[in-house]
Amino acid sequence: MGFFDWYVSCIKDHYVDFEGRARRQEYWMFTLVNILAAIVVGVIGVIIHLRMLGSLYSLAVLLPGIAVTVRRLHDTDRSGWWILISLIPLIGAIWLLVLMVLEGTQGSNQYGPDPKQAG
């Protein structure tokens, strides 16, 4: 898959899919493209004097972002509820970042087959 294909896959194929597993590559490519797109949309919003455009984009990608994060946690054999650890100031966000960087469990786990072996 190409750089932008991971992002499109999360938006198109897995919009609110909270089941299964997501590889590190899927999560980080989605995150990278999402950040770049948010910057571009924000700049365009400022140029055309429609600052709300960035907020609308963020709202549109909120559910796919949560879904890919939950699937990434599933890949590390953790419940999607671990996403709530980010509510702990500073430490929670750092711990969630560590969880996103960890390699997923090899082979099948309780959330499904290994996405590396499936793809």
C-alpha atoms as a PDB file:
ATOM      1  CA  MET A   1       0.000   0.000   0.000  1.00  0.00           C
ATOM      2  CA  GLY A   2       1.112   3.521  -0.710  1.00  0.00           C
ATOM      3  CA  PHE A   3       1.534   6.407   1.692  1.00  0.00           C
ATOM      4  CA  PHE A   4      -1.960   7.841   1.180  1.00  0.00           C
ATOM      5  CA  ASP A   5      -3.693   4.444   0.743  1.00  0.00           C
ATOM      6  CA  TRP A   6      -3.503   3.709   4.486  1.00  0.00           C
ATOM      7  CA  TYR A   7      -5.402   6.908   5.228  1.00  0.00           C
ATOM      8  CA  VAL A   8      -8.039   6.233   2.581  1.00  0.00           C
ATOM      9  CA  SER A   9      -8.443   2.668   3.851  1.00  0.00           C
ATOM     10  CA  CYS A  10      -9.147   3.893   7.387  1.00  0.00           C
ATOM     11  CA  ILE A  11     -11.659   6.454   6.134  1.00  0.00           C
ATOM     12  CA  LYS A  12     -13.328   4.356   3.444  1.00  0.00           C
ATOM     13  CA  ASP A  13     -13.117   0.738   4.605  1.00  0.00           C
ATOM     14  CA  HIS A  14     -12.844   1.035   8.405  1.00  0.00           C
ATOM     15  CA  TYR A  15     -14.663   4.329   9.186  1.00  0.00           C
ATOM     16  CA  VAL A  16     -16.136   3.142  12.496  1.00  0.00           C
ATOM     17  CA  ASP A  17     -14.721  -0.379  12.611  1.00  0.00           C
ATOM     18  CA  PHE A  18     -13.730  -0.969  16.231  1.00  0.00           C
ATOM     19  CA  GLU A  19     -13.164  -4.709  15.783  1.00  0.00           C
ATOM     20  CA  GLY A  20     -10.056  -6.474  14.603  1.00  0.00           C
ATOM     21  CA  ARG A  21      -6.470  -5.339  14.632  1.00  0.00           C
ATOM     22  CA  ALA A  22      -4.421  -2.579  13.000  1.00  0.00           C
ATOM     23  CA  ARG A  23      -0.716  -2.819  12.254  1.00  0.00           C
ATOM     24  CA  ARG A  24       1.669  -0.120  13.435  1.00  0.00           C
ATOM     25  CA  GLN A  25       2.112   0.956   9.839  1.00  0.00           C
ATOM     26  CA  GLU A  26      -1.635   1.440   9.357  1.00  0.00           C
ATOM     27  CA  TYR A  27      -1.934   3.510  12.544  1.00  0.00           C
ATOM     28  CA  TRP A  28       1.114   5.689  11.960  1.00  0.00           C
ATOM     29  CA  MET A  29       0.427   6.307   8.263  1.00  0.00           C
ATOM     30  CA  PHE A  30      -3.136   7.324   9.127  1.00  0.00           C
ATOM     31  CA  THR A  31      -1.835   9.603  11.879  1.00  0.00           C
ATOM     32  CA  LEU A  32       0.832  11.197   9.667  1.00  0.00           C
ATOM     33  CA  VAL A  33      -1.537  11.895   6.767  1.00  0.00           C
ATOM     34  CA  ASN A  34      -4.191  13.103   9.205  1.00  0.00           C
ATOM     35  CA  ILE A  35      -1.782  15.631  10.748  1.00  0.00           C
ATOM     36  CA  LEU A  36      -0.640  16.859   7.330  1.00  0.00           C
ATOM     37  CA  ALA A  37      -4.243  17.122   6.091  1.00  0.00           C
ATOM     38  CA  ALA A  38      -5.267  19.011   9.254  1.00  0.00           C
ATOM     39  CA  ILE A  39      -2.468  21.524   8.685  1.00  0.00           C
ATOM     40  CA  VAL A  40      -3.435  22.021   5.035  1.00  0.00           C
ATOM     41  CA  VAL A  41      -7.152  22.362   5.863  1.00  0.00           C
ATOM     42  CA  GLY A  42      -6.324  24.792   8.694  1.00  0.00           C
ATOM     43  CA  VAL A  43      -4.189  26.967   6.417  1.00  0.00           C
ATOM     44  CA  ILE A  44      -6.868  26.931   3.716  1.00  0.00           C
ATOM     45  CA  GLY A  45      -9.438  27.887   6.349  1.00  0.00           C
ATOM     46  CA  VAL A  46      -7.346  30.883   7.397  1.00  0.00           C
ATOM     47  CA  ILE A  47      -6.774  31.944   3.777  1.00  0.00           C
ATOM     48  CA  ILE A  48     -10.466  31.851   2.886  1.00  0.00           C
ATOM     49  CA  HIS A  49     -11.470  33.321   6.270  1.00  0.00           C
ATOM     50  CA  LEU A  50     -13.389  30.232   7.314  1.00  0.00           C
ATOM     51  CA  ARG A  51     -11.534  29.173  10.464  1.00  0.00           C
ATOM     52  CA  MET A  52     -14.273  26.666  11.267  1.00  0.00           C
ATOM     53  CA  LEU A  53     -13.052  24.500   8.356  1.00  0.00           C
ATOM     54  CA  GLY A  54     -10.305  22.947  10.504  1.00  0.00           C
ATOM     55  CA  SER A  55     -12.813  22.094  13.214  1.00  0.00           C
ATOM     56  CA  LEU A  56     -15.111  20.467  10.680  1.00  0.00           C
ATOM     57  CA  TYR A  57     -12.240  18.353   9.359  1.00  0.00           C
ATOM     58  CA  SER A  58     -11.293  17.306  12.896  1.00  0.00           C
ATOM     59  CA  LEU A  59     -14.887  16.322  13.600  1.00  0.00           C
ATOM     60  CA  ALA A  60     -15.053  14.317  10.357  1.00  0.00           C
ATOM     61  CA  VAL A  61     -11.971  12.232  11.221  1.00  0.00           C
ATOM     62  CA  LEU A  62     -12.689  11.859  14.947  1.00  0.00           C
ATOM     63  CA  LEU A  63     -14.394   8.455  14.709  1.00  0.00           C
ATOM     64  CA  PRO A  64     -11.908   6.918  12.227  1.00  0.00           C
ATOM     65  CA  GLY A  65      -9.063   8.151  14.450  1.00  0.00           C
ATOM     66  CA  ILE A  66     -10.572   6.556  17.531  1.00  0.00           C
ATOM     67  CA  ALA A  67     -11.349   3.368  15.593  1.00  0.00           C
ATOM     68  CA  VAL A  68      -7.802   2.926  14.260  1.00  0.00           C
ATOM     69  CA  THR A  69      -6.431   3.605  17.761  1.00  0.00           C
ATOM     70  CA  VAL A  70      -8.719   0.951  19.257  1.00  0.00           C
ATOM     71  CA  ARG A  71      -7.709  -1.547  16.556  1.00  0.00           C
ATOM     72  CA  ARG A  72      -4.037  -0.709  17.231  1.00  0.00           C
ATOM     73  CA  LEU A  73      -4.575  -1.437  20.930  1.00  0.00           C
ATOM     74  CA  HIS A  74      -6.215  -4.717  19.940  1.00  0.00           C
ATOM     75  CA  ASP A  75      -3.062  -5.598  18.004  1.00  0.00           C
ATOM     76  CA  THR A  76      -1.104  -5.315  21.251  1.00  0.00           C
ATOM     77  CA  ASP A  77      -3.715  -7.598  22.901  1.00  0.00           C
ATOM     78  CA  ARG A  78      -5.253  -4.785  24.942  1.00  0.00           C
ATOM     79  CA  SER A  79      -8.839  -3.663  25.203  1.00  0.00           C
ATOM     80  CA  GLY A  80      -9.878  -0.540  23.342  1.00  0.00           C
ATOM     81  CA  TRP A  81     -10.778   0.944  26.710  1.00  0.00           C
ATOM     82  CA  TRP A  82      -7.039   1.550  27.211  1.00  0.00           C
ATOM     83  CA  ILE A  83      -7.571   4.649  25.057  1.00  0.00           C
ATOM     84  CA  LEU A  84      -8.990   6.288  28.194  1.00  0.00           C
ATOM     85  CA  ILE A  85      -5.530   6.253  29.772  1.00  0.00           C
ATOM     86  CA  SER A  86      -4.863   9.351  27.687  1.00  0.00           C
ATOM     87  CA  LEU A  87      -7.214  11.258  30.017  1.00  0.00           C
ATOM     88  CA  ILE A  88      -4.539  11.164  32.722  1.00  0.00           C
ATOM     89  CA  PRO A  89      -2.637  14.433  32.254  1.00  0.00           C
ATOM     90  CA  LEU A  90       0.767  14.053  30.554  1.00  0.00           C
ATOM     91  CA  ILE A  91       1.582  10.539  31.814  1.00  0.00           C
ATOM     92  CA  GLY A  92      -1.492   9.050  30.123  1.00  0.00           C
ATOM     93  CA  ALA A  93      -0.654  10.504  26.719  1.00  0.00           C
ATOM     94  CA  ILE A  94       2.938   9.306  26.997  1.00  0.00           C
ATOM     95  CA  TRP A  95       1.822   5.815  28.011  1.00  0.00           C
ATOM     96  CA  LEU A  96      -0.662   5.646  25.111  1.00  0.00           C
ATOM     97  CA  LEU A  97       2.131   6.707  22.750  1.00  0.00           C
ATOM     98  CA  VAL A  98       4.283   3.865  24.098  1.00  0.00           C
ATOM     99  CA  LEU A  99       1.423   1.420  23.495  1.00  0.00           C
ATOM    100  CA  MET A 100       1.050   2.667  19.909  1.00  0.00           C
ATOM    101  CA  VAL A 101       4.765   2.084  19.265  1.00  0.00           C
ATOM    102  CA  LEU A 102       4.875  -1.456  20.682  1.00  0.00           C
ATOM    103  CA  GLU A 103       4.937  -4.336  18.241  1.00  0.00           C
ATOM    104  CA  GLY A 104       1.672  -6.239  18.030  1.00  0.00           C
ATOM    105  CA  THR A 105       1.304  -9.790  19.287  1.00  0.00           C
ATOM    106  CA  GLN A 106       2.471 -12.348  16.776  1.00  0.00           C
ATOM    107  CA  GLY A 107      -0.164 -14.753  15.538  1.00  0.00           C
ATOM    108  CA  SER A 108      -3.811 -14.626  16.465  1.00  0.00           C
ATOM    109  CA  ASN A 109      -5.015 -13.100  19.697  1.00  0.00           C
ATOM    110  CA  GLN A 110      -8.460 -12.587  21.224  1.00  0.00           C
ATOM    111  CA  TYR A 111      -9.156  -9.748  18.747  1.00  0.00           C
ATOM    112  CA  GLY A 112      -8.426 -11.658  15.549  1.00  0.00           C
ATOM    113  CA  PRO A 113      -5.683 -12.876  13.244  1.00  0.00           C
ATOM    114  CA  ASP A 114      -2.322 -11.165  12.904  1.00  0.00           C
ATOM    115  CA  PRO A 115      -2.725  -8.389  10.292  1.00  0.00           C
ATOM    116  CA  LYS A 116       0.907  -8.838   9.202  1.00  0.00           C
ATOM    117  CA  GLN A 117       0.206 -12.440   8.222  1.00  0.00           C
ATOM    118  CA  ALA A 118      -3.159 -11.605   6.623  1.00  0.00           C
ATOM    119  CA  GLY A 119      -1.743  -8.871   4.366  1.00  0.00           C
END
